[in-house]
Amino acid sequence: MSAATSLPAATTATRPAGTERGRGPRWYVLLWRDPKCRIGLILLTLFLLTAILAPWIAPYDPRAAVGGPSEGPSAQHWLGTTDSGEDVFSQLIWGARTSLLVGLVAGLISTVIGLIIGLVSGYSQGVVDEILSFLTNLALVVPVLPLIVTLASYSPVRGIGMIIFVISITGWAYGARIKRSQVISLRTRDYVAAAKLAGDSTPRIIVREIMPNMTSLIVVGFMGAALGAIGGEAGLSFLGLGDPQTVSWGGMLNQANIGGALLTGQFAWLVAPGLALALLITSFTLINFGIDTLSNPQLREG
């Protein structure tokens, strides 16, 4: 009898620490359990699927004149056409690719740059920290928006690659400053001192001992950098500084403004890309609530 009653306890004890009765990894359960984060994940998944499947779900070529100029919404063109006869709905679908590509790639590059500088600056002392801190402070005080506009305006090359480059090199400083502060706090912990006594090298201590305790901060930094990149690309394209050969939501807003969408009553052409941008940004923001739950045990339920 005692052996039988002890079986469930033994089974529970051997369950992997990161799972909950087959419901998946603990981090995934925590993210999905948060209602706001769940909505954000669903929205982001829909945008990702739209971007991936754009060639198959877009009814027309986004750059082809498939209708009359400035047509209103109809069964053939759900959101109407542009002043050049291009299908607005097809452009909206293809625009998801540009926004997500710029956001994810530029956000990743900015996060990596900020992480490397923050880790090295925070863990090092003396001249290295002073030099990197000076560069970070200099990047923080330089007005970002005028710098982005200037770099994009005078660049001899126009394209997504250039936009990603410009946004990446102007968006790392804030994340580097936050990560440096966190590393300064972590480098005095007992496990870091034990690793030093064990003879571990500085790169190994940073990667194996410090970085795992900054996972939530790194993810939050990436989400913020991706949001900034998405907004930056949309702003540059709206100002006419984007790639004219690439369909983007910011470019759609620029074309709608130039084409007089308000004057001709084509509100769908004007509202649709702005609404798509707002929903995409909202999805990232809602996911951050779940990340806060992971990083702060006081926010967890049960």
C-alpha atoms as a PDB file:
ATOM      1  CA  MET A   1       0.000   0.000   0.000  1.00  0.00           C
ATOM      2  CA  SER A   2       2.764   2.414   0.887  1.00  0.00           C
ATOM      3  CA  ALA A   3       4.605   1.622  -2.343  1.00  0.00           C
ATOM      4  CA  ALA A   4       1.454   2.250  -4.368  1.00  0.00           C
ATOM      5  CA  THR A   5       0.743   5.537  -2.694  1.00  0.00           C
ATOM      6  CA  SER A   6       4.305   6.735  -3.193  1.00  0.00           C
ATOM      7  CA  LEU A   7       4.198   6.145  -6.968  1.00  0.00           C
ATOM      8  CA  PRO A   8       2.446   9.416  -7.916  1.00  0.00           C
ATOM      9  CA  ALA A   9       4.908  11.397  -5.834  1.00  0.00           C
ATOM     10  CA  ALA A  10       7.833   9.727  -7.547  1.00  0.00           C
ATOM     11  CA  THR A  11       6.258  10.374 -10.942  1.00  0.00           C
ATOM     12  CA  THR A  12       5.826  14.033 -10.041  1.00  0.00           C
ATOM     13  CA  ALA A  13       9.394  14.301  -8.861  1.00  0.00           C
ATOM     14  CA  THR A  14      10.778  12.944 -12.104  1.00  0.00           C
ATOM     15  CA  ARG A  15       8.790  15.348 -14.283  1.00  0.00           C
ATOM     16  CA  PRO A  16      11.108  17.814 -16.064  1.00  0.00           C
ATOM     17  CA  ALA A  17      11.345  21.133 -14.263  1.00  0.00           C
ATOM     18  CA  GLY A  18      10.456  23.093 -17.351  1.00  0.00           C
ATOM     19  CA  THR A  19       7.122  21.382 -18.098  1.00  0.00           C
ATOM     20  CA  GLU A  20       3.602  21.222 -16.688  1.00  0.00           C
ATOM     21  CA  ARG A  21       1.936  17.836 -17.283  1.00  0.00           C
ATOM     22  CA  GLY A  22       2.642  17.756 -20.985  1.00  0.00           C
ATOM     23  CA  ARG A  23       1.395  21.271 -21.582  1.00  0.00           C
ATOM     24  CA  GLY A  24       4.733  22.430 -22.945  1.00  0.00           C
ATOM     25  CA  PRO A  25       7.707  24.354 -21.588  1.00  0.00           C
ATOM     26  CA  ARG A  26       7.131  26.457 -18.504  1.00  0.00           C
ATOM     27  CA  TRP A  27       8.042  29.697 -20.267  1.00  0.00           C
ATOM     28  CA  TYR A  28       5.514  29.016 -23.018  1.00  0.00           C
ATOM     29  CA  VAL A  29       2.791  28.236 -20.471  1.00  0.00           C
ATOM     30  CA  LEU A  30       3.461  31.494 -18.654  1.00  0.00           C
ATOM     31  CA  LEU A  31       3.353  33.502 -21.862  1.00  0.00           C
ATOM     32  CA  TRP A  32       0.189  31.846 -23.146  1.00  0.00           C
ATOM     33  CA  ARG A  33      -1.570  32.127 -19.782  1.00  0.00           C
ATOM     34  CA  ASP A  34      -1.333  35.925 -19.848  1.00  0.00           C
ATOM     35  CA  PRO A  35      -4.428  37.144 -21.794  1.00  0.00           C
ATOM     36  CA  LYS A  36      -2.688  40.235 -23.167  1.00  0.00           C
ATOM     37  CA  CYS A  37       0.364  38.280 -24.253  1.00  0.00           C
ATOM     38  CA  ARG A  38      -1.863  35.631 -25.848  1.00  0.00           C
ATOM     39  CA  ILE A  39      -3.569  38.262 -27.988  1.00  0.00           C
ATOM     40  CA  GLY A  40      -0.171  39.688 -28.954  1.00  0.00           C
ATOM     41  CA  LEU A  41       1.164  36.272 -29.945  1.00  0.00           C
ATOM     42  CA  ILE A  42      -1.902  35.579 -32.080  1.00  0.00           C
ATOM     43  CA  LEU A  43      -1.643  38.962 -33.812  1.00  0.00           C
ATOM     44  CA  LEU A  44       2.076  38.557 -34.464  1.00  0.00           C
ATOM     45  CA  THR A  45       1.543  35.033 -35.802  1.00  0.00           C
ATOM     46  CA  LEU A  46      -1.091  36.324 -38.220  1.00  0.00           C
ATOM     47  CA  PHE A  47       1.269  39.032 -39.466  1.00  0.00           C
ATOM     48  CA  LEU A  48       4.101  36.506 -39.875  1.00  0.00           C
ATOM     49  CA  LEU A  49       1.867  34.141 -41.844  1.00  0.00           C
ATOM     50  CA  THR A  50       0.661  37.023 -43.995  1.00  0.00           C
ATOM     51  CA  ALA A  51       4.245  38.051 -44.762  1.00  0.00           C
ATOM     52  CA  ILE A  52       5.357  34.483 -45.545  1.00  0.00           C
ATOM     53  CA  LEU A  53       2.320  33.636 -47.678  1.00  0.00           C
ATOM     54  CA  ALA A  54       2.068  37.017 -49.432  1.00  0.00           C
ATOM     55  CA  PRO A  55       2.812  35.625 -52.938  1.00  0.00           C
ATOM     56  CA  TRP A  56      -0.051  33.157 -52.602  1.00  0.00           C
ATOM     57  CA  ILE A  57      -2.724  35.162 -50.771  1.00  0.00           C
ATOM     58  CA  ALA A  58      -2.299  38.532 -52.506  1.00  0.00           C
ATOM     59  CA  PRO A  59      -4.838  38.637 -55.354  1.00  0.00           C
ATOM     60  CA  TYR A  60      -2.681  40.841 -57.627  1.00  0.00           C
ATOM     61  CA  ASP A  61       0.853  41.994 -58.239  1.00  0.00           C
ATOM     62  CA  PRO A  62       1.229  44.980 -55.877  1.00  0.00           C
ATOM     63  CA  ARG A  63       3.044  47.005 -58.535  1.00  0.00           C
ATOM     64  CA  ALA A  64       0.801  46.178 -61.497  1.00  0.00           C
ATOM     65  CA  ALA A  65      -2.003  48.429 -62.723  1.00  0.00           C
ATOM     66  CA  VAL A  66      -4.954  46.043 -62.443  1.00  0.00           C
ATOM     67  CA  GLY A  67      -7.825  48.514 -62.335  1.00  0.00           C
ATOM     68  CA  GLY A  68      -8.868  52.047 -62.998  1.00  0.00           C
ATOM     69  CA  PRO A  69      -7.228  54.901 -61.110  1.00  0.00           C
ATOM     70  CA  SER A  70      -8.620  55.777 -57.681  1.00  0.00           C
ATOM     71  CA  GLU A  71     -11.403  53.197 -57.637  1.00  0.00           C
ATOM     72  CA  GLY A  72     -13.348  52.658 -54.438  1.00  0.00           C
ATOM     73  CA  PRO A  73     -13.670  49.332 -52.604  1.00  0.00           C
ATOM     74  CA  SER A  74     -15.400  46.643 -54.648  1.00  0.00           C
ATOM     75  CA  ALA A  75     -15.644  42.865 -55.020  1.00  0.00           C
ATOM     76  CA  GLN A  76     -12.595  42.887 -57.311  1.00  0.00           C
ATOM     77  CA  HIS A  77     -10.575  45.330 -55.208  1.00  0.00           C
ATOM     78  CA  TRP A  78     -11.522  45.055 -51.549  1.00  0.00           C
ATOM     79  CA  LEU A  79      -9.739  48.269 -50.511  1.00  0.00           C
ATOM     80  CA  GLY A  80      -9.935  50.025 -53.861  1.00  0.00           C
ATOM     81  CA  THR A  81      -7.051  51.030 -56.107  1.00  0.00           C
ATOM     82  CA  THR A  82      -4.360  53.687 -56.024  1.00  0.00           C
ATOM     83  CA  ASP A  83      -4.172  56.657 -58.343  1.00  0.00           C
ATOM     84  CA  SER A  84      -2.094  54.420 -60.631  1.00  0.00           C
ATOM     85  CA  GLY A  85      -4.631  51.570 -60.617  1.00  0.00           C
ATOM     86  CA  GLU A  86      -2.695  49.290 -58.239  1.00  0.00           C
ATOM     87  CA  ASP A  87      -4.623  47.064 -55.841  1.00  0.00           C
ATOM     88  CA  VAL A  88      -4.436  48.487 -52.301  1.00  0.00           C
ATOM     89  CA  PHE A  89      -5.227  45.167 -50.602  1.00  0.00           C
ATOM     90  CA  SER A  90      -2.343  43.426 -52.387  1.00  0.00           C
ATOM     91  CA  GLN A  91       0.014  46.222 -51.363  1.00  0.00           C
ATOM     92  CA  LEU A  92      -1.188  45.902 -47.775  1.00  0.00           C
ATOM     93  CA  ILE A  93      -0.345  42.186 -47.730  1.00  0.00           C
ATOM     94  CA  TRP A  94       3.091  42.656 -49.294  1.00  0.00           C
ATOM     95  CA  GLY A  95       3.826  45.559 -46.964  1.00  0.00           C
ATOM     96  CA  ALA A  96       3.804  43.167 -44.001  1.00  0.00           C
ATOM     97  CA  ARG A  97       6.979  41.583 -45.394  1.00  0.00           C
ATOM     98  CA  THR A  98       8.882  44.853 -45.417  1.00  0.00           C
ATOM     99  CA  SER A  99       7.840  45.952 -41.932  1.00  0.00           C
ATOM    100  CA  LEU A 100       8.588  42.583 -40.327  1.00  0.00           C
ATOM    101  CA  LEU A 101      11.858  42.134 -42.213  1.00  0.00           C
ATOM    102  CA  VAL A 102      13.167  45.541 -41.201  1.00  0.00           C
ATOM    103  CA  GLY A 103      11.829  45.234 -37.663  1.00  0.00           C
ATOM    104  CA  LEU A 104      13.230  41.784 -36.932  1.00  0.00           C
ATOM    105  CA  VAL A 105      16.601  42.171 -38.685  1.00  0.00           C
ATOM    106  CA  ALA A 106      17.355  45.728 -37.568  1.00  0.00           C
ATOM    107  CA  GLY A 107      16.054  44.934 -34.077  1.00  0.00           C
ATOM    108  CA  LEU A 108      18.327  41.889 -33.877  1.00  0.00           C
ATOM    109  CA  ILE A 109      21.395  43.797 -35.077  1.00  0.00           C
ATOM    110  CA  SER A 110      20.739  46.684 -32.661  1.00  0.00           C
ATOM    111  CA  THR A 111      20.236  44.233 -29.805  1.00  0.00           C
ATOM    112  CA  VAL A 112      23.460  42.363 -30.574  1.00  0.00           C
ATOM    113  CA  ILE A 113      25.477  45.586 -30.781  1.00  0.00           C
ATOM    114  CA  GLY A 114      23.980  46.909 -27.555  1.00  0.00           C
ATOM    115  CA  LEU A 115      24.453  43.551 -25.815  1.00  0.00           C
ATOM    116  CA  ILE A 116      28.131  43.253 -26.744  1.00  0.00           C
ATOM    117  CA  ILE A 117      28.942  46.827 -25.743  1.00  0.00           C
ATOM    118  CA  GLY A 118      26.867  46.587 -22.557  1.00  0.00           C
ATOM    119  CA  LEU A 119      28.460  43.289 -21.469  1.00  0.00           C
ATOM    120  CA  VAL A 120      32.032  44.373 -22.158  1.00  0.00           C
ATOM    121  CA  SER A 121      31.550  47.835 -20.679  1.00  0.00           C
ATOM    122  CA  GLY A 122      29.742  46.595 -17.573  1.00  0.00           C
ATOM    123  CA  TYR A 123      32.105  43.755 -16.794  1.00  0.00           C
ATOM    124  CA  SER A 124      35.325  45.600 -17.589  1.00  0.00           C
ATOM    125  CA  GLN A 125      36.777  48.344 -15.463  1.00  0.00           C
ATOM    126  CA  GLY A 126      39.074  51.211 -16.184  1.00  0.00           C
ATOM    127  CA  VAL A 127      39.890  52.482 -19.654  1.00  0.00           C
ATOM    128  CA  VAL A 128      37.701  50.024 -21.600  1.00  0.00           C
ATOM    129  CA  ASP A 129      34.597  50.950 -19.615  1.00  0.00           C
ATOM    130  CA  GLU A 130      35.340  54.661 -19.913  1.00  0.00           C
ATOM    131  CA  ILE A 131      35.760  54.520 -23.683  1.00  0.00           C
ATOM    132  CA  LEU A 132      32.637  52.432 -24.290  1.00  0.00           C
ATOM    133  CA  SER A 133      30.599  54.543 -21.857  1.00  0.00           C
ATOM    134  CA  PHE A 134      31.722  57.689 -23.669  1.00  0.00           C
ATOM    135  CA  LEU A 135      30.650  56.237 -27.019  1.00  0.00           C
ATOM    136  CA  THR A 136      27.302  55.158 -25.555  1.00  0.00           C
ATOM    137  CA  ASN A 137      26.658  58.569 -23.990  1.00  0.00           C
ATOM    138  CA  LEU A 138      27.633  60.262 -27.248  1.00  0.00           C
ATOM    139  CA  ALA A 139      25.191  58.093 -29.186  1.00  0.00           C
ATOM    140  CA  LEU A 140      22.449  58.862 -26.645  1.00  0.00           C
ATOM    141  CA  VAL A 141      22.745  62.646 -26.890  1.00  0.00           C
ATOM    142  CA  VAL A 142      22.806  62.736 -30.703  1.00  0.00           C
ATOM    143  CA  PRO A 143      19.252  63.366 -32.028  1.00  0.00           C
ATOM    144  CA  VAL A 144      18.289  60.058 -33.610  1.00  0.00           C
ATOM    145  CA  LEU A 145      15.548  61.159 -35.999  1.00  0.00           C
ATOM    146  CA  PRO A 146      17.541  63.937 -37.741  1.00  0.00           C
ATOM    147  CA  LEU A 147      20.524  61.577 -37.961  1.00  0.00           C
ATOM    148  CA  ILE A 148      18.428  58.830 -39.567  1.00  0.00           C
ATOM    149  CA  VAL A 149      16.891  61.273 -42.042  1.00  0.00           C
ATOM    150  CA  THR A 150      20.297  62.738 -42.905  1.00  0.00           C
ATOM    151  CA  LEU A 151      21.949  59.351 -43.440  1.00  0.00           C
ATOM    152  CA  ALA A 152      19.034  58.091 -45.529  1.00  0.00           C
ATOM    153  CA  SER A 153      18.851  61.296 -47.584  1.00  0.00           C
ATOM    154  CA  TYR A 154      22.518  61.418 -48.557  1.00  0.00           C
ATOM    155  CA  SER A 155      23.017  57.697 -49.009  1.00  0.00           C
ATOM    156  CA  PRO A 156      23.989  56.906 -52.612  1.00  0.00           C
ATOM    157  CA  VAL A 157      22.100  53.611 -52.354  1.00  0.00           C
ATOM    158  CA  ARG A 158      18.406  53.203 -51.640  1.00  0.00           C
ATOM    159  CA  GLY A 159      17.019  49.902 -50.483  1.00  0.00           C
ATOM    160  CA  ILE A 160      15.926  47.768 -47.545  1.00  0.00           C
ATOM    161  CA  GLY A 161      19.539  46.941 -46.716  1.00  0.00           C
ATOM    162  CA  MET A 162      20.412  50.595 -46.334  1.00  0.00           C
ATOM    163  CA  ILE A 163      17.366  51.276 -44.169  1.00  0.00           C
ATOM    164  CA  ILE A 164      18.256  48.333 -41.913  1.00  0.00           C
ATOM    165  CA  PHE A 165      21.850  49.583 -41.659  1.00  0.00           C
ATOM    166  CA  VAL A 166      20.832  53.140 -40.791  1.00  0.00           C
ATOM    167  CA  ILE A 167      18.305  52.073 -38.160  1.00  0.00           C
ATOM    168  CA  SER A 168      20.696  49.506 -36.641  1.00  0.00           C
ATOM    169  CA  ILE A 169      23.616  51.870 -36.103  1.00  0.00           C
ATOM    170  CA  THR A 170      21.381  54.505 -34.524  1.00  0.00           C
ATOM    171  CA  GLY A 171      19.331  52.296 -32.212  1.00  0.00           C
ATOM    172  CA  TRP A 172      21.778  50.395 -29.992  1.00  0.00           C
ATOM    173  CA  ALA A 173      22.819  52.975 -27.382  1.00  0.00           C
ATOM    174  CA  TYR A 174      19.812  52.861 -25.040  1.00  0.00           C
ATOM    175  CA  GLY A 175      19.918  49.060 -24.826  1.00  0.00           C
ATOM    176  CA  ALA A 176      23.676  49.123 -24.195  1.00  0.00           C
ATOM    177  CA  ARG A 177      23.221  51.530 -21.292  1.00  0.00           C
ATOM    178  CA  ILE A 178      20.575  49.359 -19.615  1.00  0.00           C
ATOM    179  CA  LYS A 179      22.565  46.146 -20.093  1.00  0.00           C
ATOM    180  CA  ARG A 180      25.709  47.776 -18.702  1.00  0.00           C
ATOM    181  CA  SER A 181      23.836  48.705 -15.528  1.00  0.00           C
ATOM    182  CA  GLN A 182      22.551  45.150 -15.156  1.00  0.00           C
ATOM    183  CA  VAL A 183      26.018  43.641 -15.680  1.00  0.00           C
ATOM    184  CA  ILE A 184      27.506  45.962 -13.041  1.00  0.00           C
ATOM    185  CA  SER A 185      24.964  44.550 -10.600  1.00  0.00           C
ATOM    186  CA  LEU A 186      25.580  40.924 -11.589  1.00  0.00           C
ATOM    187  CA  ARG A 187      29.375  40.932 -11.683  1.00  0.00           C
ATOM    188  CA  THR A 188      29.577  41.162  -7.871  1.00  0.00           C
ATOM    189  CA  ARG A 189      27.400  38.077  -7.275  1.00  0.00           C
ATOM    190  CA  ASP A 190      28.796  35.022  -5.504  1.00  0.00           C
ATOM    191  CA  TYR A 191      28.547  32.708  -8.504  1.00  0.00           C
ATOM    192  CA  VAL A 192      30.622  35.122 -10.595  1.00  0.00           C
ATOM    193  CA  ALA A 193      33.255  35.290  -7.863  1.00  0.00           C
ATOM    194  CA  ALA A 194      33.261  31.475  -7.688  1.00  0.00           C
ATOM    195  CA  ALA A 195      33.773  31.247 -11.445  1.00  0.00           C
ATOM    196  CA  LYS A 196      36.731  33.624 -11.180  1.00  0.00           C
ATOM    197  CA  LEU A 197      38.276  31.531  -8.411  1.00  0.00           C
ATOM    198  CA  ALA A 198      37.762  28.430 -10.561  1.00  0.00           C
ATOM    199  CA  GLY A 199      39.939  30.028 -13.225  1.00  0.00           C
ATOM    200  CA  ASP A 200      37.229  30.604 -15.838  1.00  0.00           C
ATOM    201  CA  SER A 201      38.111  33.081 -18.576  1.00  0.00           C
ATOM    202  CA  THR A 202      36.338  36.413 -18.886  1.00  0.00           C
ATOM    203  CA  PRO A 203      34.384  35.452 -22.061  1.00  0.00           C
ATOM    204  CA  ARG A 204      33.230  32.224 -20.411  1.00  0.00           C
ATOM    205  CA  ILE A 205      32.065  34.056 -17.279  1.00  0.00           C
ATOM    206  CA  ILE A 206      30.150  36.592 -19.356  1.00  0.00           C
ATOM    207  CA  VAL A 207      28.497  33.977 -21.581  1.00  0.00           C
ATOM    208  CA  ARG A 208      27.897  31.199 -19.040  1.00  0.00           C
ATOM    209  CA  GLU A 209      27.299  33.080 -15.794  1.00  0.00           C
ATOM    210  CA  ILE A 210      26.017  36.570 -16.577  1.00  0.00           C
ATOM    211  CA  MET A 211      24.079  36.354 -19.851  1.00  0.00           C
ATOM    212  CA  PRO A 212      21.633  33.616 -18.705  1.00  0.00           C
ATOM    213  CA  ASN A 213      20.494  35.948 -15.908  1.00  0.00           C
ATOM    214  CA  MET A 214      19.747  38.702 -18.422  1.00  0.00           C
ATOM    215  CA  THR A 215      17.515  36.710 -20.786  1.00  0.00           C
ATOM    216  CA  SER A 216      14.328  38.644 -20.064  1.00  0.00           C
ATOM    217  CA  LEU A 217      16.149  41.966 -20.318  1.00  0.00           C
ATOM    218  CA  ILE A 218      17.656  40.958 -23.676  1.00  0.00           C
ATOM    219  CA  VAL A 219      14.272  39.866 -25.047  1.00  0.00           C
ATOM    220  CA  VAL A 220      12.605  43.070 -23.866  1.00  0.00           C
ATOM    221  CA  GLY A 221      15.422  45.052 -25.468  1.00  0.00           C
ATOM    222  CA  PHE A 222      14.927  43.194 -28.744  1.00  0.00           C
ATOM    223  CA  MET A 223      11.193  43.879 -28.714  1.00  0.00           C
ATOM    224  CA  GLY A 224      11.822  47.576 -28.138  1.00  0.00           C
ATOM    225  CA  ALA A 225      14.471  47.703 -30.862  1.00  0.00           C
ATOM    226  CA  ALA A 226      12.164  45.911 -33.305  1.00  0.00           C
ATOM    227  CA  LEU A 227       9.367  48.378 -32.542  1.00  0.00           C
ATOM    228  CA  GLY A 228      11.727  51.288 -33.124  1.00  0.00           C
ATOM    229  CA  ALA A 229      12.907  49.758 -36.405  1.00  0.00           C
ATOM    230  CA  ILE A 230       9.349  49.226 -37.652  1.00  0.00           C
ATOM    231  CA  GLY A 231       8.434  52.800 -36.796  1.00  0.00           C
ATOM    232  CA  GLY A 232      11.686  54.111 -38.269  1.00  0.00           C
ATOM    233  CA  GLU A 233      11.147  52.320 -41.582  1.00  0.00           C
ATOM    234  CA  ALA A 234       7.560  53.553 -41.782  1.00  0.00           C
ATOM    235  CA  GLY A 235       8.669  57.111 -41.037  1.00  0.00           C
ATOM    236  CA  LEU A 236      11.443  57.089 -43.642  1.00  0.00           C
ATOM    237  CA  SER A 237       9.142  55.612 -46.278  1.00  0.00           C
ATOM    238  CA  PHE A 238       6.410  58.129 -45.456  1.00  0.00           C
ATOM    239  CA  LEU A 239       8.932  60.944 -45.957  1.00  0.00           C
ATOM    240  CA  GLY A 240       9.847  59.467 -49.332  1.00  0.00           C
ATOM    241  CA  LEU A 241      13.298  58.276 -48.199  1.00  0.00           C
ATOM    242  CA  GLY A 242      12.586  54.569 -48.531  1.00  0.00           C
ATOM    243  CA  ASP A 243      13.131  52.250 -51.452  1.00  0.00           C
ATOM    244  CA  PRO A 244      10.670  53.245 -54.224  1.00  0.00           C
ATOM    245  CA  GLN A 245      10.801  49.697 -55.621  1.00  0.00           C
ATOM    246  CA  THR A 246       9.707  48.118 -52.328  1.00  0.00           C
ATOM    247  CA  VAL A 247       6.111  47.984 -51.148  1.00  0.00           C
ATOM    248  CA  SER A 248       5.800  49.052 -47.529  1.00  0.00           C
ATOM    249  CA  TRP A 249       3.104  50.452 -45.292  1.00  0.00           C
ATOM    250  CA  GLY A 250       4.996  53.718 -44.893  1.00  0.00           C
ATOM    251  CA  GLY A 251       5.340  53.960 -48.670  1.00  0.00           C
ATOM    252  CA  MET A 252       1.596  53.356 -49.027  1.00  0.00           C
ATOM    253  CA  LEU A 253       0.905  56.260 -46.675  1.00  0.00           C
ATOM    254  CA  ASN A 254       3.271  58.424 -48.704  1.00  0.00           C
ATOM    255  CA  GLN A 255       1.536  57.473 -51.964  1.00  0.00           C
ATOM    256  CA  ALA A 256      -1.894  58.030 -50.424  1.00  0.00           C
ATOM    257  CA  ASN A 257      -0.835  61.488 -49.288  1.00  0.00           C
ATOM    258  CA  ILE A 258       0.622  62.387 -52.677  1.00  0.00           C
ATOM    259  CA  GLY A 259      -2.336  60.856 -54.526  1.00  0.00           C
ATOM    260  CA  GLY A 260      -4.845  62.909 -52.544  1.00  0.00           C
ATOM    261  CA  ALA A 261      -6.633  59.991 -50.880  1.00  0.00           C
ATOM    262  CA  LEU A 262      -8.443  62.345 -48.514  1.00  0.00           C
ATOM    263  CA  LEU A 263      -9.656  64.564 -51.334  1.00  0.00           C
ATOM    264  CA  THR A 264     -10.928  61.639 -53.424  1.00  0.00           C
ATOM    265  CA  GLY A 265     -12.546  59.896 -50.443  1.00  0.00           C
ATOM    266  CA  GLN A 266     -10.301  56.822 -50.568  1.00  0.00           C
ATOM    267  CA  PHE A 267     -10.182  56.386 -46.832  1.00  0.00           C
ATOM    268  CA  ALA A 268      -9.390  52.668 -47.080  1.00  0.00           C
ATOM    269  CA  TRP A 269      -6.149  53.456 -48.927  1.00  0.00           C
ATOM    270  CA  LEU A 270      -5.177  55.889 -46.166  1.00  0.00           C
ATOM    271  CA  VAL A 271      -6.443  54.040 -43.090  1.00  0.00           C
ATOM    272  CA  ALA A 272      -5.476  50.430 -43.906  1.00  0.00           C
ATOM    273  CA  PRO A 273      -1.648  50.769 -43.731  1.00  0.00           C
ATOM    274  CA  GLY A 274      -1.839  52.967 -40.638  1.00  0.00           C
ATOM    275  CA  LEU A 275      -4.131  50.471 -38.917  1.00  0.00           C
ATOM    276  CA  ALA A 276      -1.836  47.580 -39.881  1.00  0.00           C
ATOM    277  CA  LEU A 277       1.159  49.397 -38.383  1.00  0.00           C
ATOM    278  CA  ALA A 278      -0.792  50.118 -35.200  1.00  0.00           C
ATOM    279  CA  LEU A 279      -1.836  46.466 -34.824  1.00  0.00           C
ATOM    280  CA  LEU A 280       1.700  45.188 -35.432  1.00  0.00           C
ATOM    281  CA  ILE A 281       3.140  47.575 -32.857  1.00  0.00           C
ATOM    282  CA  THR A 282       0.355  46.616 -30.448  1.00  0.00           C
ATOM    283  CA  SER A 283       1.197  42.918 -30.836  1.00  0.00           C
ATOM    284  CA  PHE A 284       4.807  43.529 -29.761  1.00  0.00           C
ATOM    285  CA  THR A 285       3.641  45.663 -26.854  1.00  0.00           C
ATOM    286  CA  LEU A 286       1.197  43.017 -25.615  1.00  0.00           C
ATOM    287  CA  ILE A 287       3.858  40.294 -25.798  1.00  0.00           C
ATOM    288  CA  ASN A 288       5.991  42.405 -23.472  1.00  0.00           C
ATOM    289  CA  PHE A 289       3.407  41.860 -20.737  1.00  0.00           C
ATOM    290  CA  GLY A 290       4.123  38.142 -20.867  1.00  0.00           C
ATOM    291  CA  ILE A 291       7.859  38.747 -20.829  1.00  0.00           C
ATOM    292  CA  ASP A 292       7.393  40.862 -17.695  1.00  0.00           C
ATOM    293  CA  THR A 293       5.635  37.873 -16.156  1.00  0.00           C
ATOM    294  CA  LEU A 294       8.656  35.686 -16.889  1.00  0.00           C
ATOM    295  CA  SER A 295      11.139  38.155 -15.438  1.00  0.00           C
ATOM    296  CA  ASN A 296       9.113  39.145 -12.358  1.00  0.00           C
ATOM    297  CA  PRO A 297       7.912  36.199 -10.203  1.00  0.00           C
ATOM    298  CA  GLN A 298       5.557  38.527  -8.296  1.00  0.00           C
ATOM    299  CA  LEU A 299       3.458  38.910 -11.453  1.00  0.00           C
ATOM    300  CA  ARG A 300       2.921  35.169 -11.867  1.00  0.00           C
ATOM    301  CA  GLU A 301      -0.371  33.629 -10.864  1.00  0.00           C
ATOM    302  CA  GLY A 302      -0.332  30.492  -8.765  1.00  0.00           C
END
